[in-house]
Amino acid sequence: MNAPNDNAVRKGLRGWWLSPLRLGMQRLIHPWAYRHLRVFGVTHIAAGTVAVGIGAFILSYSAYGWAALFLVLGALNLACGYWYLTVARSASART
């Protein structure tokens, strides 16, 4: 009556983290974000664009330390968003 479900996700943190099967560097992506890659990719790109704009604005006031912080955060967000969209594009091509 209560047959074990072979398709169930393994219990524990490790099982939850690996719940959608991912390979290599894709394991660095949070599982919930992996299920919604396009949304998170576009969000990262939008946040990166805003951070770069703020960094450029602060740079005009010669606050180089704060400008560098926002420019680095913007560059990291843009790179992460691009990576998420690349993974989403390659995942949809396989299915």
Protein backbone atom coordinates (compact mmCIF):
# COMPACT_ATOMS: atom_id res chain seq x y z
CA MET A 1 0.00 0.00 0.00
CA ASN A 2 2.76 2.44 0.89
CA ALA A 3 5.31 1.57 -1.76
CA PRO A 4 8.57 3.53 -1.63
CA ASN A 5 8.76 6.29 -4.19
CA ASP A 6 11.98 5.87 -6.17
CA ASN A 7 11.55 9.29 -7.78
CA ALA A 8 11.45 11.16 -4.47
CA VAL A 9 14.24 13.55 -3.72
CA ARG A 10 16.80 12.18 -1.28
CA LYS A 11 16.30 13.49 2.20
CA GLY A 12 18.68 15.85 3.88
CA LEU A 13 20.50 18.98 2.84
CA ARG A 14 22.62 17.25 0.20
CA GLY A 15 19.57 15.73 -1.44
CA TRP A 16 17.76 19.05 -1.42
CA TRP A 17 20.75 20.86 -2.91
CA LEU A 18 21.04 18.34 -5.75
CA SER A 19 17.27 18.12 -6.30
CA PRO A 20 17.23 19.29 -9.93
CA LEU A 21 20.06 17.22 -11.39
CA ARG A 22 22.90 19.56 -12.35
CA LEU A 23 26.44 18.95 -13.50
CA GLY A 24 29.73 20.74 -12.86
CA MET A 25 29.63 24.46 -12.18
CA GLN A 26 25.83 24.48 -12.28
CA ARG A 27 25.89 22.98 -8.78
CA LEU A 28 26.93 26.43 -7.52
CA ILE A 29 23.50 27.80 -8.43
CA HIS A 30 20.94 27.73 -5.64
CA PRO A 31 18.26 25.08 -6.42
CA TRP A 32 15.36 27.53 -6.30
CA ALA A 33 17.22 29.91 -8.61
CA TYR A 34 18.05 27.01 -10.93
CA ARG A 35 14.35 26.35 -11.40
CA HIS A 36 13.81 29.98 -12.46
CA LEU A 37 17.05 30.77 -14.30
CA ARG A 38 15.70 33.28 -16.81
CA VAL A 39 14.00 35.37 -14.13
CA PHE A 40 17.11 35.42 -11.96
CA GLY A 41 19.34 36.12 -14.97
CA VAL A 42 17.31 39.12 -16.07
CA THR A 43 17.11 40.34 -12.46
CA HIS A 44 20.89 40.13 -12.07
CA ILE A 45 21.42 42.03 -15.32
CA ALA A 46 18.98 44.75 -14.24
CA ALA A 47 20.63 45.04 -10.82
CA GLY A 48 24.07 45.14 -12.44
CA THR A 49 23.00 47.91 -14.77
CA VAL A 50 21.67 49.94 -11.84
CA ALA A 51 24.85 49.35 -9.82
CA VAL A 52 27.08 50.42 -12.72
CA GLY A 53 24.96 53.54 -13.17
CA ILE A 54 25.26 54.38 -9.47
CA GLY A 55 29.00 53.73 -9.64
CA ALA A 56 29.39 56.07 -12.61
CA PHE A 57 27.33 58.73 -10.82
CA ILE A 58 29.45 58.43 -7.67
CA LEU A 59 32.60 58.50 -9.78
CA SER A 60 31.60 61.94 -11.03
CA TYR A 61 31.87 63.18 -7.42
CA SER A 62 35.43 61.76 -7.09
CA ALA A 63 34.52 59.23 -4.39
CA TYR A 64 36.72 56.56 -5.93
CA GLY A 65 36.38 53.92 -3.21
CA TRP A 66 32.58 53.90 -3.25
CA ALA A 67 32.54 54.09 -7.03
CA ALA A 68 34.85 51.09 -7.27
CA LEU A 69 32.60 49.13 -4.91
CA PHE A 70 29.49 49.76 -6.98
CA LEU A 71 31.29 49.16 -10.27
CA VAL A 72 32.65 45.82 -9.05
CA LEU A 73 29.24 44.79 -7.72
CA GLY A 74 27.68 45.78 -11.03
CA ALA A 75 30.23 43.83 -13.03
CA LEU A 76 29.69 40.74 -10.87
CA ASN A 77 25.92 41.00 -11.23
CA LEU A 78 26.21 41.39 -15.00
CA ALA A 79 28.53 38.37 -15.25
CA CYS A 80 26.26 36.25 -13.06
CA GLY A 81 23.17 37.23 -15.04
CA TYR A 82 24.89 36.42 -18.31
CA TRP A 83 25.96 33.03 -16.90
CA TYR A 84 22.40 32.25 -15.71
CA LEU A 85 20.96 33.10 -19.12
CA THR A 86 23.62 31.00 -20.85
CA VAL A 87 22.81 28.01 -18.64
CA ALA A 88 19.07 28.51 -19.24
CA ARG A 89 19.59 28.66 -22.99
CA SER A 90 21.71 25.48 -23.05
CA ALA A 91 19.31 23.60 -20.77
CA SER A 92 16.31 24.32 -22.99
CA ALA A 93 18.20 23.17 -26.10
CA ARG A 94 18.78 19.73 -24.59
CA THR A 95 15.11 19.03 -23.87
